[in-house]
Amino acid sequence: MLRPYRLERELDRAVAQWLAWLPRWDPTTMRKRERLCPVCPVWAVELGLDDVPHGVLHALTVSIDGLITEHIRRSLALEPFLPQDDVDAMRSQLRADATAWITRQKPVILRTLDAYVEPKVQHMAALLLEDLAG
């Protein structure tokens, strides 16, 4: 297994990049999805970010999943014949570690979401209500 501080450092970088991207998030560029994203609902519950728009959350979860996959790939390069059960256990442990690490940063995440995402969502809701009122 790789050093845990490396994962933490990479998670810090991923969260910082995501937070820096949030002011540029534009809900009008969101695509309509034909089916439910298989990744985001589980992460939303684990991170306690259930009320975050999918496009915002998806940007974070794809990054986190990528880091976890990369750590597993590196571990398999060191021990190429690990049984699948061990790989699954490693993935579960890395996911739990990532969730705990990101949850510690939740106050900063929530403040940033309130400052940059919530006003855009409220504006869109106001426009929709205005449009419905005719």
C-alpha atoms as a PDB file:
ATOM      1  CA  MET A   1       0.000   0.000   0.000  1.00  0.00           C
ATOM      2  CA  LEU A   2       1.209   3.488  -0.748  1.00  0.00           C
ATOM      3  CA  ARG A   3       1.916   6.074   1.904  1.00  0.00           C
ATOM      4  CA  PRO A   4      -1.336   7.577   3.238  1.00  0.00           C
ATOM      5  CA  TYR A   5       0.031  11.127   3.284  1.00  0.00           C
ATOM      6  CA  ARG A   6       0.376  10.950  -0.496  1.00  0.00           C
ATOM      7  CA  LEU A   7      -3.357  10.309  -0.886  1.00  0.00           C
ATOM      8  CA  GLU A   8      -4.119  13.107   1.567  1.00  0.00           C
ATOM      9  CA  ARG A   9      -1.895  15.519  -0.333  1.00  0.00           C
ATOM     10  CA  GLU A  10      -3.541  14.590  -3.620  1.00  0.00           C
ATOM     11  CA  LEU A  11      -7.021  14.902  -2.082  1.00  0.00           C
ATOM     12  CA  ASP A  12      -6.117  18.351  -0.759  1.00  0.00           C
ATOM     13  CA  ARG A  13      -5.010  19.365  -4.240  1.00  0.00           C
ATOM     14  CA  ALA A  14      -8.178  17.951  -5.853  1.00  0.00           C
ATOM     15  CA  VAL A  15     -10.464  19.708  -3.372  1.00  0.00           C
ATOM     16  CA  ALA A  16      -8.532  22.980  -3.728  1.00  0.00           C
ATOM     17  CA  GLN A  17      -8.828  22.818  -7.519  1.00  0.00           C
ATOM     18  CA  TRP A  18     -12.534  22.055  -7.249  1.00  0.00           C
ATOM     19  CA  LEU A  19     -13.087  24.947  -4.835  1.00  0.00           C
ATOM     20  CA  ALA A  20     -11.183  27.255  -7.191  1.00  0.00           C
ATOM     21  CA  TRP A  21     -13.402  26.087 -10.071  1.00  0.00           C
ATOM     22  CA  LEU A  22     -16.708  26.683  -8.245  1.00  0.00           C
ATOM     23  CA  PRO A  23     -16.883  30.446  -8.981  1.00  0.00           C
ATOM     24  CA  ARG A  24     -16.714  29.585 -12.704  1.00  0.00           C
ATOM     25  CA  TRP A  25     -19.451  26.941 -12.531  1.00  0.00           C
ATOM     26  CA  ASP A  26     -22.281  27.893 -14.840  1.00  0.00           C
ATOM     27  CA  PRO A  27     -25.549  26.010 -14.422  1.00  0.00           C
ATOM     28  CA  THR A  28     -26.699  27.054 -17.890  1.00  0.00           C
ATOM     29  CA  THR A  29     -24.056  24.794 -19.445  1.00  0.00           C
ATOM     30  CA  MET A  30     -25.398  21.676 -17.737  1.00  0.00           C
ATOM     31  CA  ARG A  31     -26.399  18.855 -20.043  1.00  0.00           C
ATOM     32  CA  LYS A  32     -29.618  16.953 -19.687  1.00  0.00           C
ATOM     33  CA  ARG A  33     -28.881  13.426 -18.507  1.00  0.00           C
ATOM     34  CA  GLU A  34     -30.757  10.481 -19.929  1.00  0.00           C
ATOM     35  CA  ARG A  35     -30.042   8.298 -16.908  1.00  0.00           C
ATOM     36  CA  LEU A  36     -29.007   8.716 -13.305  1.00  0.00           C
ATOM     37  CA  CYS A  37     -25.275   9.050 -12.658  1.00  0.00           C
ATOM     38  CA  PRO A  38     -24.120   5.845 -10.927  1.00  0.00           C
ATOM     39  CA  VAL A  39     -21.309   7.519  -8.975  1.00  0.00           C
ATOM     40  CA  CYS A  40     -22.582  10.775  -7.500  1.00  0.00           C
ATOM     41  CA  PRO A  41     -25.555   9.721  -5.325  1.00  0.00           C
ATOM     42  CA  VAL A  42     -23.400   7.434  -3.186  1.00  0.00           C
ATOM     43  CA  TRP A  43     -20.654  10.066  -2.802  1.00  0.00           C
ATOM     44  CA  ALA A  44     -23.287  12.728  -2.001  1.00  0.00           C
ATOM     45  CA  VAL A  45     -24.557  10.676   0.923  1.00  0.00           C
ATOM     46  CA  GLU A  46     -21.081   9.744   2.156  1.00  0.00           C
ATOM     47  CA  LEU A  47     -19.853  13.357   2.020  1.00  0.00           C
ATOM     48  CA  GLY A  48     -23.104  14.839   3.300  1.00  0.00           C
ATOM     49  CA  LEU A  49     -23.521  16.939   0.152  1.00  0.00           C
ATOM     50  CA  ASP A  50     -26.999  15.726  -0.823  1.00  0.00           C
ATOM     51  CA  ASP A  51     -28.263  19.202  -1.763  1.00  0.00           C
ATOM     52  CA  VAL A  52     -25.407  20.048  -4.121  1.00  0.00           C
ATOM     53  CA  PRO A  53     -26.301  20.206  -7.836  1.00  0.00           C
ATOM     54  CA  HIS A  54     -25.132  17.170  -9.761  1.00  0.00           C
ATOM     55  CA  GLY A  55     -22.760  19.062 -12.068  1.00  0.00           C
ATOM     56  CA  VAL A  56     -20.943  20.586  -9.107  1.00  0.00           C
ATOM     57  CA  LEU A  57     -20.727  17.318  -7.185  1.00  0.00           C
ATOM     58  CA  HIS A  58     -19.773  15.312 -10.280  1.00  0.00           C
ATOM     59  CA  ALA A  59     -16.694  17.471 -10.829  1.00  0.00           C
ATOM     60  CA  LEU A  60     -15.466  16.551  -7.354  1.00  0.00           C
ATOM     61  CA  THR A  61     -16.407  12.868  -7.350  1.00  0.00           C
ATOM     62  CA  VAL A  62     -14.802  12.135 -10.713  1.00  0.00           C
ATOM     63  CA  SER A  63     -11.581  13.624  -9.398  1.00  0.00           C
ATOM     64  CA  ILE A  64     -11.737  11.595  -6.169  1.00  0.00           C
ATOM     65  CA  ASP A  65     -12.538   8.358  -8.002  1.00  0.00           C
ATOM     66  CA  GLY A  66      -9.640   9.034 -10.346  1.00  0.00           C
ATOM     67  CA  LEU A  67      -7.247   9.428  -7.414  1.00  0.00           C
ATOM     68  CA  ILE A  68      -8.444   6.193  -5.839  1.00  0.00           C
ATOM     69  CA  THR A  69      -8.102   4.321  -9.125  1.00  0.00           C
ATOM     70  CA  GLU A  70      -4.600   5.726  -9.627  1.00  0.00           C
ATOM     71  CA  HIS A  71      -3.533   4.620  -6.127  1.00  0.00           C
ATOM     72  CA  ILE A  72      -4.825   1.117  -6.820  1.00  0.00           C
ATOM     73  CA  ARG A  73      -3.034   1.065 -10.180  1.00  0.00           C
ATOM     74  CA  ARG A  74       0.242   2.045  -8.490  1.00  0.00           C
ATOM     75  CA  SER A  75      -0.230  -0.607  -5.806  1.00  0.00           C
ATOM     76  CA  LEU A  76      -0.892  -3.253  -8.445  1.00  0.00           C
ATOM     77  CA  ALA A  77       2.297  -2.210 -10.231  1.00  0.00           C
ATOM     78  CA  LEU A  78       4.166  -3.060  -7.016  1.00  0.00           C
ATOM     79  CA  GLU A  79       2.188  -6.252  -6.315  1.00  0.00           C
ATOM     80  CA  PRO A  80       0.661  -7.363  -9.628  1.00  0.00           C
ATOM     81  CA  PHE A  81      -0.886 -10.599  -8.386  1.00  0.00           C
ATOM     82  CA  LEU A  82      -3.129  -9.316  -5.607  1.00  0.00           C
ATOM     83  CA  PRO A  83      -6.378 -11.270  -5.327  1.00  0.00           C
ATOM     84  CA  GLN A  84      -9.498  -9.362  -6.395  1.00  0.00           C
ATOM     85  CA  ASP A  85     -10.790  -9.439  -2.803  1.00  0.00           C
ATOM     86  CA  ASP A  86      -7.670  -7.584  -1.683  1.00  0.00           C
ATOM     87  CA  VAL A  87      -8.084  -5.017  -4.463  1.00  0.00           C
ATOM     88  CA  ASP A  88     -11.745  -4.496  -3.482  1.00  0.00           C
ATOM     89  CA  ALA A  89     -10.760  -4.111   0.174  1.00  0.00           C
ATOM     90  CA  MET A  90      -8.082  -1.600  -0.830  1.00  0.00           C
ATOM     91  CA  ARG A  91     -10.621   0.385  -2.859  1.00  0.00           C
ATOM     92  CA  SER A  92     -13.062   0.405   0.074  1.00  0.00           C
ATOM     93  CA  GLN A  93     -10.357   1.549   2.479  1.00  0.00           C
ATOM     94  CA  LEU A  94      -9.141   4.304   0.137  1.00  0.00           C
ATOM     95  CA  ARG A  95     -12.718   5.474  -0.354  1.00  0.00           C
ATOM     96  CA  ALA A  96     -13.297   5.578   3.409  1.00  0.00           C
ATOM     97  CA  ASP A  97     -10.020   7.471   3.898  1.00  0.00           C
ATOM     98  CA  ALA A  98     -10.942   9.942   1.140  1.00  0.00           C
ATOM     99  CA  THR A  99     -14.406  10.483   2.614  1.00  0.00           C
ATOM    100  CA  ALA A 100     -12.980  11.127   6.083  1.00  0.00           C
ATOM    101  CA  TRP A 101     -10.330  13.503   4.740  1.00  0.00           C
ATOM    102  CA  ILE A 102     -12.789  15.519   2.651  1.00  0.00           C
ATOM    103  CA  THR A 103     -15.371  15.599   5.453  1.00  0.00           C
ATOM    104  CA  ARG A 104     -12.794  17.381   7.629  1.00  0.00           C
ATOM    105  CA  GLN A 105     -12.807  20.167   5.035  1.00  0.00           C
ATOM    106  CA  LYS A 106     -16.602  20.437   4.999  1.00  0.00           C
ATOM    107  CA  PRO A 107     -16.845  23.888   6.654  1.00  0.00           C
ATOM    108  CA  VAL A 108     -14.735  25.428   3.883  1.00  0.00           C
ATOM    109  CA  ILE A 109     -16.632  23.474   1.249  1.00  0.00           C
ATOM    110  CA  LEU A 110     -20.011  24.637   2.575  1.00  0.00           C
ATOM    111  CA  ARG A 111     -18.925  28.282   2.764  1.00  0.00           C
ATOM    112  CA  THR A 112     -17.681  28.141  -0.821  1.00  0.00           C
ATOM    113  CA  LEU A 113     -20.869  26.458  -2.030  1.00  0.00           C
ATOM    114  CA  ASP A 114     -22.958  29.114  -0.245  1.00  0.00           C
ATOM    115  CA  ALA A 115     -20.897  31.911  -1.774  1.00  0.00           C
ATOM    116  CA  TYR A 116     -20.717  30.718  -5.388  1.00  0.00           C
ATOM    117  CA  VAL A 117     -23.201  27.946  -6.151  1.00  0.00           C
ATOM    118  CA  GLU A 118     -26.267  28.820  -4.091  1.00  0.00           C
ATOM    119  CA  PRO A 119     -26.740  32.313  -5.583  1.00  0.00           C
ATOM    120  CA  LYS A 120     -26.664  30.833  -9.102  1.00  0.00           C
ATOM    121  CA  VAL A 121     -29.201  28.165  -8.176  1.00  0.00           C
ATOM    122  CA  GLN A 122     -31.469  30.768  -6.568  1.00  0.00           C
ATOM    123  CA  HIS A 123     -31.188  32.973  -9.652  1.00  0.00           C
ATOM    124  CA  MET A 124     -32.144  30.054 -11.906  1.00  0.00           C
ATOM    125  CA  ALA A 125     -35.103  29.232  -9.650  1.00  0.00           C
ATOM    126  CA  ALA A 126     -36.262  32.856  -9.759  1.00  0.00           C
ATOM    127  CA  LEU A 127     -36.040  32.885 -13.563  1.00  0.00           C
ATOM    128  CA  LEU A 128     -38.001  29.642 -13.756  1.00  0.00           C
ATOM    129  CA  LEU A 129     -40.720  30.965 -11.469  1.00  0.00           C
ATOM    130  CA  GLU A 130     -40.841  34.172 -13.474  1.00  0.00           C
ATOM    131  CA  ASP A 131     -41.180  32.179 -16.684  1.00  0.00           C
ATOM    132  CA  LEU A 132     -43.927  29.994 -15.205  1.00  0.00           C
ATOM    133  CA  ALA A 133     -45.836  33.043 -13.985  1.00  0.00           C
ATOM    134  CA  GLY A 134     -45.875  34.236 -17.553  1.00  0.00           C
END
